[in-house]
Amino acid sequence: MTIREQTEAIEAQILSPYAALSSRSLGRDVPEPQDDLRTCYQRDRDRILHSKAFRRLKHKTQVFLAPAGDHYRTRLTHTLEVSQIARSIARALRLNEDLTEAIALGHDLGHTPFGHAGEKALNEVCPGGFRHYEQSVRVVEVLEKDGRGLNLTREVRDGILNHQMDTLAFTMEGRVVRISDKIAYINHDVDDAITAGLLTENMLPSGVTKILGTTVRDRINTIVNSIVTSSLDGPDVTMEPACAEAVATLRDFMFAHVYRNSRAKEEDDKAQRLLKSLYEYYMEHPDQLPRIYIEAVWERHEPYSRAVCDYIAGMTDDYAIEHYKELFVPRGWQG
């Protein structure tokens, strides 16, 4: 037996009946020979980790746009925190930790520069709209590896697509990532908001802190334990009712005091105008768009506007700002 086959045999012995076994994967769109060392989900995880889109996450906004401090979350640190929370839950529930990690690492690959402000801007100008979870799948299927895509398994792509709260992945592992994303961004955004001076711990609703705890660490620990306790018998991933109600209250509080806070979002309008200006420029100057994006839409008989959205969505915050300056801000004569 190869090491991969031994790993698959161990999975069959120890994982939950609700786990997605590597040996039973629905496979890839383009069949490939199996690896001797790694299972299919381990290979997917590695492909995502080594992708260009993953590296760009380190310079994309999570909540606070281009913050000056070193300790604010970026889209990359958020992704790593989601991955760690999801792996802890998956391990406790005896689910497939490799599949869980692959989905978590890939779930935000399609996020725009400037976070949800950028997503809103592209959604307004791109024909058919723009949704980052759909773009994340497009990144791994179409845009990575110079237009060849990563050829990931169906389970990973489904988990990436369905990590938002409106739909459900067909695997338990995908559902773990979905709930872990919510746990991570709500609690870590509290931490960043306190660092930014927008909140103090004493401002959080007393009913929330009474149930979940008075520190970020305590709250995450309480929620994770509640999920594990409530989900041990499957076949879904849930929280205990009191915990779920407290999390919903905390989320509403964050929307009211941080996500829609005028101080936190005062640069959003500028960021949206910047991206819309880039979109208009490239719609008028197709000769300036990198050819790889144009070829990707030609092969799929998609409109040129799709290529423009792909290019802008892949930009980091800094690259978008510098590119805007290069195109629209006059420079002094260098002669």
C-alpha atoms as a PDB file:
ATOM      1  CA  MET A   1       0.000   0.000   0.000  1.00  0.00           C
ATOM      2  CA  THR A   2       1.122   3.550  -0.704  1.00  0.00           C
ATOM      3  CA  ILE A   3       1.196   6.086   2.108  1.00  0.00           C
ATOM      4  CA  ARG A   4      -1.901   7.695   0.603  1.00  0.00           C
ATOM      5  CA  GLU A   5      -3.739   4.383   0.670  1.00  0.00           C
ATOM      6  CA  GLN A   6      -2.715   3.839   4.274  1.00  0.00           C
ATOM      7  CA  THR A   7      -4.048   7.302   5.160  1.00  0.00           C
ATOM      8  CA  GLU A   8      -7.322   6.540   3.392  1.00  0.00           C
ATOM      9  CA  ALA A   9      -7.634   3.285   5.308  1.00  0.00           C
ATOM     10  CA  ILE A  10      -7.056   5.095   8.609  1.00  0.00           C
ATOM     11  CA  GLU A  11      -9.738   7.656   7.680  1.00  0.00           C
ATOM     12  CA  ALA A  12     -12.233   4.850   7.075  1.00  0.00           C
ATOM     13  CA  GLN A  13     -11.474   3.408  10.517  1.00  0.00           C
ATOM     14  CA  ILE A  14     -11.495   6.518  12.712  1.00  0.00           C
ATOM     15  CA  LEU A  15     -13.604   9.235  11.074  1.00  0.00           C
ATOM     16  CA  SER A  16     -17.272   9.862  11.740  1.00  0.00           C
ATOM     17  CA  PRO A  17     -19.917   8.284   9.488  1.00  0.00           C
ATOM     18  CA  TYR A  18     -20.710  11.863   8.442  1.00  0.00           C
ATOM     19  CA  ALA A  19     -17.141  12.651   7.360  1.00  0.00           C
ATOM     20  CA  ALA A  20     -16.166  12.997   3.691  1.00  0.00           C
ATOM     21  CA  LEU A  21     -13.617  10.247   3.104  1.00  0.00           C
ATOM     22  CA  SER A  22     -10.788  11.017   0.709  1.00  0.00           C
ATOM     23  CA  SER A  23     -11.233   7.631  -0.957  1.00  0.00           C
ATOM     24  CA  ARG A  24     -14.842   8.491  -1.812  1.00  0.00           C
ATOM     25  CA  SER A  25     -14.300  11.952  -3.252  1.00  0.00           C
ATOM     26  CA  LEU A  26     -16.450  12.905  -6.224  1.00  0.00           C
ATOM     27  CA  GLY A  27     -13.193  13.791  -7.928  1.00  0.00           C
ATOM     28  CA  ARG A  28     -11.919  16.523 -10.237  1.00  0.00           C
ATOM     29  CA  ASP A  29     -13.301  17.880 -13.492  1.00  0.00           C
ATOM     30  CA  VAL A  30     -10.105  16.746 -15.201  1.00  0.00           C
ATOM     31  CA  PRO A  31      -9.076  13.289 -13.906  1.00  0.00           C
ATOM     32  CA  GLU A  32      -5.515  12.984 -12.591  1.00  0.00           C
ATOM     33  CA  PRO A  33      -3.366  10.110 -11.359  1.00  0.00           C
ATOM     34  CA  GLN A  34      -3.438   9.755  -7.581  1.00  0.00           C
ATOM     35  CA  ASP A  35      -0.453  10.897  -5.550  1.00  0.00           C
ATOM     36  CA  ASP A  36       1.507   8.246  -3.651  1.00  0.00           C
ATOM     37  CA  LEU A  37       1.855  10.393  -0.508  1.00  0.00           C
ATOM     38  CA  ARG A  38      -1.078  12.778  -0.294  1.00  0.00           C
ATOM     39  CA  THR A  39      -4.827  12.266  -0.393  1.00  0.00           C
ATOM     40  CA  CYS A  40      -6.865  14.302  -2.871  1.00  0.00           C
ATOM     41  CA  TYR A  41      -7.853  16.832  -0.196  1.00  0.00           C
ATOM     42  CA  GLN A  42      -4.264  17.228   0.993  1.00  0.00           C
ATOM     43  CA  ARG A  43      -3.262  18.006  -2.583  1.00  0.00           C
ATOM     44  CA  ASP A  44      -6.051  20.587  -2.851  1.00  0.00           C
ATOM     45  CA  ARG A  45      -4.900  22.253   0.350  1.00  0.00           C
ATOM     46  CA  ASP A  46      -1.338  22.466  -0.966  1.00  0.00           C
ATOM     47  CA  ARG A  47      -2.449  23.863  -4.329  1.00  0.00           C
ATOM     48  CA  ILE A  48      -4.406  26.631  -2.626  1.00  0.00           C
ATOM     49  CA  LEU A  49      -1.603  27.421  -0.187  1.00  0.00           C
ATOM     50  CA  HIS A  50       0.916  27.833  -3.011  1.00  0.00           C
ATOM     51  CA  SER A  51      -1.361  29.885  -5.265  1.00  0.00           C
ATOM     52  CA  LYS A  52      -0.746  33.523  -6.152  1.00  0.00           C
ATOM     53  CA  ALA A  53      -4.258  34.475  -5.061  1.00  0.00           C
ATOM     54  CA  PHE A  54      -3.551  33.138  -1.567  1.00  0.00           C
ATOM     55  CA  ARG A  55      -0.385  35.223  -1.256  1.00  0.00           C
ATOM     56  CA  ARG A  56      -2.224  38.377  -2.295  1.00  0.00           C
ATOM     57  CA  LEU A  57      -4.605  38.032   0.667  1.00  0.00           C
ATOM     58  CA  LYS A  58      -1.932  39.471   2.952  1.00  0.00           C
ATOM     59  CA  HIS A  59      -2.480  42.907   1.388  1.00  0.00           C
ATOM     60  CA  LYS A  60      -6.278  42.883   1.217  1.00  0.00           C
ATOM     61  CA  THR A  61      -8.564  44.589   3.732  1.00  0.00           C
ATOM     62  CA  GLN A  62     -10.506  42.625   6.321  1.00  0.00           C
ATOM     63  CA  VAL A  63     -12.437  45.454   8.043  1.00  0.00           C
ATOM     64  CA  PHE A  64     -10.120  48.440   8.473  1.00  0.00           C
ATOM     65  CA  LEU A  65      -8.881  49.776   5.143  1.00  0.00           C
ATOM     66  CA  ALA A  66      -5.068  49.865   4.863  1.00  0.00           C
ATOM     67  CA  PRO A  67      -4.567  50.273   8.634  1.00  0.00           C
ATOM     68  CA  ALA A  68      -1.335  51.842   9.864  1.00  0.00           C
ATOM     69  CA  GLY A  69      -0.914  49.457  12.813  1.00  0.00           C
ATOM     70  CA  ASP A  70       0.853  46.113  12.510  1.00  0.00           C
ATOM     71  CA  HIS A  71      -1.703  44.047  14.426  1.00  0.00           C
ATOM     72  CA  TYR A  72      -4.929  44.592  12.521  1.00  0.00           C
ATOM     73  CA  ARG A  73      -6.311  41.603  10.656  1.00  0.00           C
ATOM     74  CA  THR A  74      -5.923  41.322   6.915  1.00  0.00           C
ATOM     75  CA  ARG A  75      -7.798  38.950   4.646  1.00  0.00           C
ATOM     76  CA  LEU A  76      -4.899  36.490   5.019  1.00  0.00           C
ATOM     77  CA  THR A  77      -4.788  36.455   8.819  1.00  0.00           C
ATOM     78  CA  HIS A  78      -8.579  36.122   8.853  1.00  0.00           C
ATOM     79  CA  THR A  79      -8.271  33.109   6.535  1.00  0.00           C
ATOM     80  CA  LEU A  80      -5.697  31.470   8.798  1.00  0.00           C
ATOM     81  CA  GLU A  81      -7.865  32.085  11.861  1.00  0.00           C
ATOM     82  CA  VAL A  82     -10.888  30.555  10.125  1.00  0.00           C
ATOM     83  CA  SER A  83      -8.751  27.565   9.200  1.00  0.00           C
ATOM     84  CA  GLN A  84      -7.590  26.993  12.761  1.00  0.00           C
ATOM     85  CA  ILE A  85     -11.075  27.278  14.259  1.00  0.00           C
ATOM     86  CA  ALA A  86     -12.514  24.993  11.585  1.00  0.00           C
ATOM     87  CA  ARG A  87      -9.790  22.390  12.053  1.00  0.00           C
ATOM     88  CA  SER A  88     -10.381  22.325  15.812  1.00  0.00           C
ATOM     89  CA  ILE A  89     -14.092  21.706  15.303  1.00  0.00           C
ATOM     90  CA  ALA A  90     -13.517  19.122  12.566  1.00  0.00           C
ATOM     91  CA  ARG A  91     -11.040  17.205  14.691  1.00  0.00           C
ATOM     92  CA  ALA A  92     -13.419  17.125  17.665  1.00  0.00           C
ATOM     93  CA  LEU A  93     -16.263  15.899  15.441  1.00  0.00           C
ATOM     94  CA  ARG A  94     -13.997  13.325  13.731  1.00  0.00           C
ATOM     95  CA  LEU A  95     -14.514  14.921  10.335  1.00  0.00           C
ATOM     96  CA  ASN A  96     -11.958  15.137   7.531  1.00  0.00           C
ATOM     97  CA  GLU A  97      -9.529  17.785   8.746  1.00  0.00           C
ATOM     98  CA  ASP A  98      -7.680  17.987   5.413  1.00  0.00           C
ATOM     99  CA  LEU A  99     -10.859  18.767   3.493  1.00  0.00           C
ATOM    100  CA  THR A 100     -11.860  21.296   6.138  1.00  0.00           C
ATOM    101  CA  GLU A 101      -8.494  23.039   5.912  1.00  0.00           C
ATOM    102  CA  ALA A 102      -8.545  23.164   2.109  1.00  0.00           C
ATOM    103  CA  ILE A 103     -11.987  24.798   2.071  1.00  0.00           C
ATOM    104  CA  ALA A 104     -11.020  27.278   4.779  1.00  0.00           C
ATOM    105  CA  LEU A 105      -7.803  28.342   3.046  1.00  0.00           C
ATOM    106  CA  GLY A 106      -9.643  28.864  -0.234  1.00  0.00           C
ATOM    107  CA  HIS A 107     -12.873  30.447   0.948  1.00  0.00           C
ATOM    108  CA  ASP A 108     -11.858  34.104   0.426  1.00  0.00           C
ATOM    109  CA  LEU A 109      -9.518  33.836  -2.571  1.00  0.00           C
ATOM    110  CA  GLY A 110     -11.938  35.874  -4.677  1.00  0.00           C
ATOM    111  CA  HIS A 111     -12.250  38.802  -2.300  1.00  0.00           C
ATOM    112  CA  THR A 112     -11.678  42.245  -3.776  1.00  0.00           C
ATOM    113  CA  PRO A 113      -9.318  44.961  -2.604  1.00  0.00           C
ATOM    114  CA  PHE A 114     -10.833  47.082   0.191  1.00  0.00           C
ATOM    115  CA  GLY A 115     -12.954  44.261   1.576  1.00  0.00           C
ATOM    116  CA  HIS A 116     -16.721  44.457   1.300  1.00  0.00           C
ATOM    117  CA  ALA A 117     -16.515  48.058   0.074  1.00  0.00           C
ATOM    118  CA  GLY A 118     -14.670  46.780  -2.990  1.00  0.00           C
ATOM    119  CA  GLU A 119     -17.136  43.937  -3.400  1.00  0.00           C
ATOM    120  CA  LYS A 120     -20.012  46.429  -3.331  1.00  0.00           C
ATOM    121  CA  ALA A 121     -18.340  48.589  -5.986  1.00  0.00           C
ATOM    122  CA  LEU A 122     -17.793  45.686  -8.390  1.00  0.00           C
ATOM    123  CA  ASN A 123     -21.282  44.374  -7.723  1.00  0.00           C
ATOM    124  CA  GLU A 124     -22.654  47.711  -8.917  1.00  0.00           C
ATOM    125  CA  VAL A 125     -20.650  47.923 -12.137  1.00  0.00           C
ATOM    126  CA  CYS A 126     -20.121  44.323 -13.273  1.00  0.00           C
ATOM    127  CA  PRO A 127     -22.943  42.981 -15.482  1.00  0.00           C
ATOM    128  CA  GLY A 128     -24.619  40.191 -13.550  1.00  0.00           C
ATOM    129  CA  GLY A 129     -23.197  41.485 -10.277  1.00  0.00           C
ATOM    130  CA  PHE A 130     -20.200  40.358  -8.268  1.00  0.00           C
ATOM    131  CA  ARG A 131     -20.097  38.019  -5.254  1.00  0.00           C
ATOM    132  CA  HIS A 132     -16.785  37.155  -3.656  1.00  0.00           C
ATOM    133  CA  TYR A 133     -17.686  33.517  -2.941  1.00  0.00           C
ATOM    134  CA  GLU A 134     -18.471  32.930  -6.618  1.00  0.00           C
ATOM    135  CA  GLN A 135     -15.263  34.704  -7.549  1.00  0.00           C
ATOM    136  CA  SER A 136     -13.314  32.457  -5.165  1.00  0.00           C
ATOM    137  CA  VAL A 137     -14.509  29.442  -7.140  1.00  0.00           C
ATOM    138  CA  ARG A 138     -13.664  31.221 -10.392  1.00  0.00           C
ATOM    139  CA  VAL A 139     -10.137  31.847  -9.126  1.00  0.00           C
ATOM    140  CA  VAL A 140      -9.495  28.143  -8.506  1.00  0.00           C
ATOM    141  CA  GLU A 141     -11.332  26.923 -11.605  1.00  0.00           C
ATOM    142  CA  VAL A 142     -10.295  29.511 -14.186  1.00  0.00           C
ATOM    143  CA  LEU A 143      -7.771  32.166 -13.190  1.00  0.00           C
ATOM    144  CA  GLU A 144      -4.969  30.461 -11.282  1.00  0.00           C
ATOM    145  CA  LYS A 145      -1.966  28.878 -13.028  1.00  0.00           C
ATOM    146  CA  ASP A 146      -2.140  31.259 -16.002  1.00  0.00           C
ATOM    147  CA  GLY A 147      -5.729  30.412 -16.800  1.00  0.00           C
ATOM    148  CA  ARG A 148      -5.523  26.656 -16.277  1.00  0.00           C
ATOM    149  CA  GLY A 149      -7.049  26.646 -12.791  1.00  0.00           C
ATOM    150  CA  LEU A 150      -6.154  24.373  -9.878  1.00  0.00           C
ATOM    151  CA  ASN A 151      -8.458  21.485 -10.818  1.00  0.00           C
ATOM    152  CA  LEU A 152      -9.686  21.020  -7.250  1.00  0.00           C
ATOM    153  CA  THR A 153     -12.073  18.320  -6.087  1.00  0.00           C
ATOM    154  CA  ARG A 154     -15.775  18.959  -6.172  1.00  0.00           C
ATOM    155  CA  GLU A 155     -16.036  18.847  -2.354  1.00  0.00           C
ATOM    156  CA  VAL A 156     -13.539  21.684  -1.919  1.00  0.00           C
ATOM    157  CA  ARG A 157     -15.131  23.856  -4.590  1.00  0.00           C
ATOM    158  CA  ASP A 158     -18.589  23.292  -3.123  1.00  0.00           C
ATOM    159  CA  GLY A 159     -17.366  24.270   0.350  1.00  0.00           C
ATOM    160  CA  ILE A 160     -15.767  27.460  -1.005  1.00  0.00           C
ATOM    161  CA  LEU A 161     -18.911  28.427  -2.904  1.00  0.00           C
ATOM    162  CA  ASN A 162     -21.236  27.794   0.030  1.00  0.00           C
ATOM    163  CA  HIS A 163     -19.283  29.339   2.892  1.00  0.00           C
ATOM    164  CA  GLN A 164     -21.665  32.324   3.154  1.00  0.00           C
ATOM    165  CA  MET A 165     -24.565  32.010   5.557  1.00  0.00           C
ATOM    166  CA  ASP A 166     -27.362  31.773   2.974  1.00  0.00           C
ATOM    167  CA  THR A 167     -26.571  28.314   1.569  1.00  0.00           C
ATOM    168  CA  LEU A 168     -25.221  24.977   2.790  1.00  0.00           C
ATOM    169  CA  ALA A 169     -22.321  22.886   1.524  1.00  0.00           C
ATOM    170  CA  PHE A 170     -23.139  19.237   0.913  1.00  0.00           C
ATOM    171  CA  THR A 171     -20.316  18.086   3.223  1.00  0.00           C
ATOM    172  CA  MET A 172     -20.144  18.491   6.984  1.00  0.00           C
ATOM    173  CA  GLU A 173     -16.628  19.865   6.503  1.00  0.00           C
ATOM    174  CA  GLY A 174     -17.950  22.677   4.308  1.00  0.00           C
ATOM    175  CA  ARG A 175     -20.563  23.489   6.929  1.00  0.00           C
ATOM    176  CA  VAL A 176     -17.879  23.631   9.616  1.00  0.00           C
ATOM    177  CA  VAL A 177     -15.979  26.234   7.577  1.00  0.00           C
ATOM    178  CA  ARG A 178     -19.178  28.206   7.037  1.00  0.00           C
ATOM    179  CA  ILE A 179     -19.829  28.551  10.775  1.00  0.00           C
ATOM    180  CA  SER A 180     -16.121  29.025  11.577  1.00  0.00           C
ATOM    181  CA  ASP A 181     -15.961  32.001   9.222  1.00  0.00           C
ATOM    182  CA  LYS A 182     -18.732  33.652  11.210  1.00  0.00           C
ATOM    183  CA  ILE A 183     -17.062  32.866  14.541  1.00  0.00           C
ATOM    184  CA  ALA A 184     -13.737  34.275  13.351  1.00  0.00           C
ATOM    185  CA  TYR A 185     -14.850  37.521  11.788  1.00  0.00           C
ATOM    186  CA  ILE A 186     -17.271  38.530  14.535  1.00  0.00           C
ATOM    187  CA  ASN A 187     -14.880  37.897  17.412  1.00  0.00           C
ATOM    188  CA  HIS A 188     -11.667  39.057  15.788  1.00  0.00           C
ATOM    189  CA  ASP A 189     -13.369  42.161  14.441  1.00  0.00           C
ATOM    190  CA  VAL A 190     -14.287  42.969  18.048  1.00  0.00           C
ATOM    191  CA  ASP A 191     -10.583  42.733  18.871  1.00  0.00           C
ATOM    192  CA  ASP A 192      -9.612  45.026  15.975  1.00  0.00           C
ATOM    193  CA  ALA A 193     -12.353  47.503  16.853  1.00  0.00           C
ATOM    194  CA  ILE A 194     -11.042  47.706  20.418  1.00  0.00           C
ATOM    195  CA  THR A 195      -7.531  48.288  19.051  1.00  0.00           C
ATOM    196  CA  ALA A 196      -8.940  51.046  16.812  1.00  0.00           C
ATOM    197  CA  GLY A 197     -10.650  52.739  19.762  1.00  0.00           C
ATOM    198  CA  LEU A 198     -14.153  52.179  18.404  1.00  0.00           C
ATOM    199  CA  LEU A 199     -15.144  49.791  21.190  1.00  0.00           C
ATOM    200  CA  THR A 200     -14.283  48.741  24.708  1.00  0.00           C
ATOM    201  CA  GLU A 201     -15.142  45.395  26.256  1.00  0.00           C
ATOM    202  CA  ASN A 202     -17.577  47.195  28.569  1.00  0.00           C
ATOM    203  CA  MET A 203     -19.612  48.339  25.546  1.00  0.00           C
ATOM    204  CA  LEU A 204     -20.508  44.781  24.507  1.00  0.00           C
ATOM    205  CA  PRO A 205     -24.060  43.696  25.440  1.00  0.00           C
ATOM    206  CA  SER A 206     -24.100  42.258  28.951  1.00  0.00           C
ATOM    207  CA  GLY A 207     -26.261  39.339  27.852  1.00  0.00           C
ATOM    208  CA  VAL A 208     -23.607  38.380  25.300  1.00  0.00           C
ATOM    209  CA  THR A 209     -20.664  38.525  27.681  1.00  0.00           C
ATOM    210  CA  LYS A 210     -22.610  36.664  30.359  1.00  0.00           C
ATOM    211  CA  ILE A 211     -23.125  33.709  28.024  1.00  0.00           C
ATOM    212  CA  LEU A 212     -20.032  33.817  25.804  1.00  0.00           C
ATOM    213  CA  GLY A 213     -17.386  35.408  28.043  1.00  0.00           C
ATOM    214  CA  THR A 214     -15.591  38.697  28.557  1.00  0.00           C
ATOM    215  CA  THR A 215     -12.573  38.155  26.284  1.00  0.00           C
ATOM    216  CA  VAL A 216     -12.137  37.202  22.636  1.00  0.00           C
ATOM    217  CA  ARG A 217     -10.447  33.977  23.723  1.00  0.00           C
ATOM    218  CA  ASP A 218     -13.271  33.031  26.082  1.00  0.00           C
ATOM    219  CA  ARG A 219     -15.967  33.791  23.528  1.00  0.00           C
ATOM    220  CA  ILE A 220     -14.384  31.699  20.788  1.00  0.00           C
ATOM    221  CA  ASN A 221     -13.795  28.833  23.218  1.00  0.00           C
ATOM    222  CA  THR A 222     -17.421  28.945  24.396  1.00  0.00           C
ATOM    223  CA  ILE A 223     -18.798  28.977  20.850  1.00  0.00           C
ATOM    224  CA  VAL A 224     -16.540  26.168  19.634  1.00  0.00           C
ATOM    225  CA  ASN A 225     -17.454  23.993  22.589  1.00  0.00           C
ATOM    226  CA  SER A 226     -21.144  24.688  21.995  1.00  0.00           C
ATOM    227  CA  ILE A 227     -20.841  23.675  18.340  1.00  0.00           C
ATOM    228  CA  VAL A 228     -19.037  20.445  19.194  1.00  0.00           C
ATOM    229  CA  THR A 229     -21.522  19.541  21.937  1.00  0.00           C
ATOM    230  CA  SER A 230     -24.502  20.272  19.707  1.00  0.00           C
ATOM    231  CA  SER A 231     -23.126  18.571  16.569  1.00  0.00           C
ATOM    232  CA  LEU A 232     -21.561  15.349  17.898  1.00  0.00           C
ATOM    233  CA  ASP A 233     -24.413  13.182  16.672  1.00  0.00           C
ATOM    234  CA  GLY A 234     -24.673  14.880  13.238  1.00  0.00           C
ATOM    235  CA  PRO A 235     -25.763  15.200  10.548  1.00  0.00           C
ATOM    236  CA  ASP A 236     -25.473  19.013  10.670  1.00  0.00           C
ATOM    237  CA  VAL A 237     -23.302  21.671  12.331  1.00  0.00           C
ATOM    238  CA  THR A 238     -25.242  23.718  14.881  1.00  0.00           C
ATOM    239  CA  MET A 239     -24.912  25.632  18.151  1.00  0.00           C
ATOM    240  CA  GLU A 240     -26.868  25.302  21.345  1.00  0.00           C
ATOM    241  CA  PRO A 241     -29.849  27.739  21.245  1.00  0.00           C
ATOM    242  CA  ALA A 242     -28.623  30.121  23.977  1.00  0.00           C
ATOM    243  CA  CYS A 243     -25.183  30.358  22.360  1.00  0.00           C
ATOM    244  CA  ALA A 244     -26.647  30.897  18.888  1.00  0.00           C
ATOM    245  CA  GLU A 245     -28.843  33.707  20.204  1.00  0.00           C
ATOM    246  CA  ALA A 246     -25.866  35.385  21.887  1.00  0.00           C
ATOM    247  CA  VAL A 247     -23.802  35.150  18.689  1.00  0.00           C
ATOM    248  CA  ALA A 248     -26.658  36.691  16.677  1.00  0.00           C
ATOM    249  CA  THR A 249     -26.901  39.530  19.194  1.00  0.00           C
ATOM    250  CA  LEU A 250     -23.147  40.134  18.999  1.00  0.00           C
ATOM    251  CA  ARG A 251     -23.291  40.169  15.194  1.00  0.00           C
ATOM    252  CA  ASP A 252     -26.104  42.745  15.236  1.00  0.00           C
ATOM    253  CA  PHE A 253     -24.110  44.826  17.706  1.00  0.00           C
ATOM    254  CA  MET A 254     -21.057  44.747  15.416  1.00  0.00           C
ATOM    255  CA  PHE A 255     -23.083  45.879  12.414  1.00  0.00           C
ATOM    256  CA  ALA A 256     -24.502  48.773  14.392  1.00  0.00           C
ATOM    257  CA  HIS A 257     -21.253  49.913  16.019  1.00  0.00           C
ATOM    258  CA  VAL A 258     -18.437  48.833  13.667  1.00  0.00           C
ATOM    259  CA  TYR A 259     -19.414  47.605  10.200  1.00  0.00           C
ATOM    260  CA  ARG A 260     -21.637  50.652   9.632  1.00  0.00           C
ATOM    261  CA  ASN A 261     -19.614  52.996  11.848  1.00  0.00           C
ATOM    262  CA  SER A 262     -18.851  56.253  10.040  1.00  0.00           C
ATOM    263  CA  ARG A 263     -15.304  56.406  11.410  1.00  0.00           C
ATOM    264  CA  ALA A 264     -14.466  52.855  10.358  1.00  0.00           C
ATOM    265  CA  LYS A 265     -16.045  53.315   6.941  1.00  0.00           C
ATOM    266  CA  GLU A 266     -15.154  56.931   6.150  1.00  0.00           C
ATOM    267  CA  GLU A 267     -12.754  55.860   3.379  1.00  0.00           C
ATOM    268  CA  ASP A 268     -15.147  53.354   1.793  1.00  0.00           C
ATOM    269  CA  ASP A 269     -16.669  55.847  -0.641  1.00  0.00           C
ATOM    270  CA  LYS A 270     -13.202  56.770  -1.902  1.00  0.00           C
ATOM    271  CA  ALA A 271     -12.262  53.116  -2.322  1.00  0.00           C
ATOM    272  CA  GLN A 272     -15.445  52.420  -4.274  1.00  0.00           C
ATOM    273  CA  ARG A 273     -14.913  55.411  -6.583  1.00  0.00           C
ATOM    274  CA  LEU A 274     -11.337  54.270  -7.142  1.00  0.00           C
ATOM    275  CA  LEU A 275     -12.366  50.776  -8.253  1.00  0.00           C
ATOM    276  CA  LYS A 276     -15.181  52.104 -10.417  1.00  0.00           C
ATOM    277  CA  SER A 277     -12.721  54.446 -12.112  1.00  0.00           C
ATOM    278  CA  LEU A 278     -10.374  51.543 -12.821  1.00  0.00           C
ATOM    279  CA  TYR A 279     -13.302  49.550 -14.216  1.00  0.00           C
ATOM    280  CA  GLU A 280     -14.310  52.384 -16.546  1.00  0.00           C
ATOM    281  CA  TYR A 281     -10.719  52.884 -17.688  1.00  0.00           C
ATOM    282  CA  TYR A 282     -10.205  49.248 -18.652  1.00  0.00           C
ATOM    283  CA  MET A 283     -13.588  49.048 -20.321  1.00  0.00           C
ATOM    284  CA  GLU A 284     -12.412  51.891 -22.556  1.00  0.00           C
ATOM    285  CA  HIS A 285      -8.817  50.621 -22.974  1.00  0.00           C
ATOM    286  CA  PRO A 286      -8.892  46.847 -23.579  1.00  0.00           C
ATOM    287  CA  ASP A 287      -5.370  47.024 -24.998  1.00  0.00           C
ATOM    288  CA  GLN A 288      -4.114  47.847 -21.477  1.00  0.00           C
ATOM    289  CA  LEU A 289      -5.598  44.803 -19.757  1.00  0.00           C
ATOM    290  CA  PRO A 290      -3.233  41.844 -19.209  1.00  0.00           C
ATOM    291  CA  ARG A 291      -3.909  39.408 -22.023  1.00  0.00           C
ATOM    292  CA  ILE A 292      -4.321  36.376 -19.744  1.00  0.00           C
ATOM    293  CA  TYR A 293      -7.626  37.774 -18.456  1.00  0.00           C
ATOM    294  CA  ILE A 294      -8.918  38.425 -21.963  1.00  0.00           C
ATOM    295  CA  GLU A 295      -7.961  34.950 -23.134  1.00  0.00           C
ATOM    296  CA  ALA A 296      -9.777  33.417 -20.152  1.00  0.00           C
ATOM    297  CA  VAL A 297     -13.103  34.993 -21.156  1.00  0.00           C
ATOM    298  CA  TRP A 298     -12.577  34.353 -24.870  1.00  0.00           C
ATOM    299  CA  GLU A 299     -12.202  30.626 -24.211  1.00  0.00           C
ATOM    300  CA  ARG A 300     -15.506  30.606 -22.322  1.00  0.00           C
ATOM    301  CA  HIS A 301     -17.380  32.983 -24.640  1.00  0.00           C
ATOM    302  CA  GLU A 302     -17.855  35.456 -21.786  1.00  0.00           C
ATOM    303  CA  PRO A 303     -18.148  39.254 -22.151  1.00  0.00           C
ATOM    304  CA  TYR A 304     -15.051  41.433 -21.954  1.00  0.00           C
ATOM    305  CA  SER A 305     -16.449  43.093 -18.811  1.00  0.00           C
ATOM    306  CA  ARG A 306     -15.894  39.759 -17.011  1.00  0.00           C
ATOM    307  CA  ALA A 307     -12.156  40.019 -17.706  1.00  0.00           C
ATOM    308  CA  VAL A 308     -12.066  43.540 -16.273  1.00  0.00           C
ATOM    309  CA  CYS A 309     -13.824  42.391 -13.105  1.00  0.00           C
ATOM    310  CA  ASP A 310     -11.413  39.457 -12.772  1.00  0.00           C
ATOM    311  CA  TYR A 311      -8.386  41.748 -13.038  1.00  0.00           C
ATOM    312  CA  ILE A 312      -9.624  44.351 -10.567  1.00  0.00           C
ATOM    313  CA  ALA A 313     -10.885  41.757  -8.059  1.00  0.00           C
ATOM    314  CA  GLY A 314      -7.433  40.194  -7.931  1.00  0.00           C
ATOM    315  CA  MET A 315      -5.693  43.442  -7.017  1.00  0.00           C
ATOM    316  CA  THR A 316      -4.387  44.114  -3.514  1.00  0.00           C
ATOM    317  CA  ASP A 317      -5.278  47.362  -1.756  1.00  0.00           C
ATOM    318  CA  ASP A 318      -1.839  48.850  -2.362  1.00  0.00           C
ATOM    319  CA  TYR A 319      -1.692  47.792  -5.997  1.00  0.00           C
ATOM    320  CA  ALA A 320      -5.115  49.293  -6.715  1.00  0.00           C
ATOM    321  CA  ILE A 321      -4.118  52.600  -5.087  1.00  0.00           C
ATOM    322  CA  GLU A 322      -0.772  52.808  -6.888  1.00  0.00           C
ATOM    323  CA  HIS A 323      -2.348  51.792 -10.187  1.00  0.00           C
ATOM    324  CA  TYR A 324      -4.990  54.491  -9.782  1.00  0.00           C
ATOM    325  CA  LYS A 325      -2.279  57.095  -9.145  1.00  0.00           C
ATOM    326  CA  GLU A 326      -0.392  55.953 -12.216  1.00  0.00           C
ATOM    327  CA  LEU A 327      -3.465  56.274 -14.423  1.00  0.00           C
ATOM    328  CA  PHE A 328      -5.218  59.334 -13.011  1.00  0.00           C
ATOM    329  CA  VAL A 329      -2.873  61.444 -10.847  1.00  0.00           C
ATOM    330  CA  PRO A 330      -0.465  63.700 -12.782  1.00  0.00           C
ATOM    331  CA  ARG A 331       3.215  63.416 -11.979  1.00  0.00           C
ATOM    332  CA  GLY A 332       5.837  66.139 -12.044  1.00  0.00           C
ATOM    333  CA  TRP A 333       8.050  66.375 -15.127  1.00  0.00           C
ATOM    334  CA  GLN A 334      11.116  64.127 -14.763  1.00  0.00           C
ATOM    335  CA  GLY A 335      13.118  65.470 -17.743  1.00  0.00           C
END
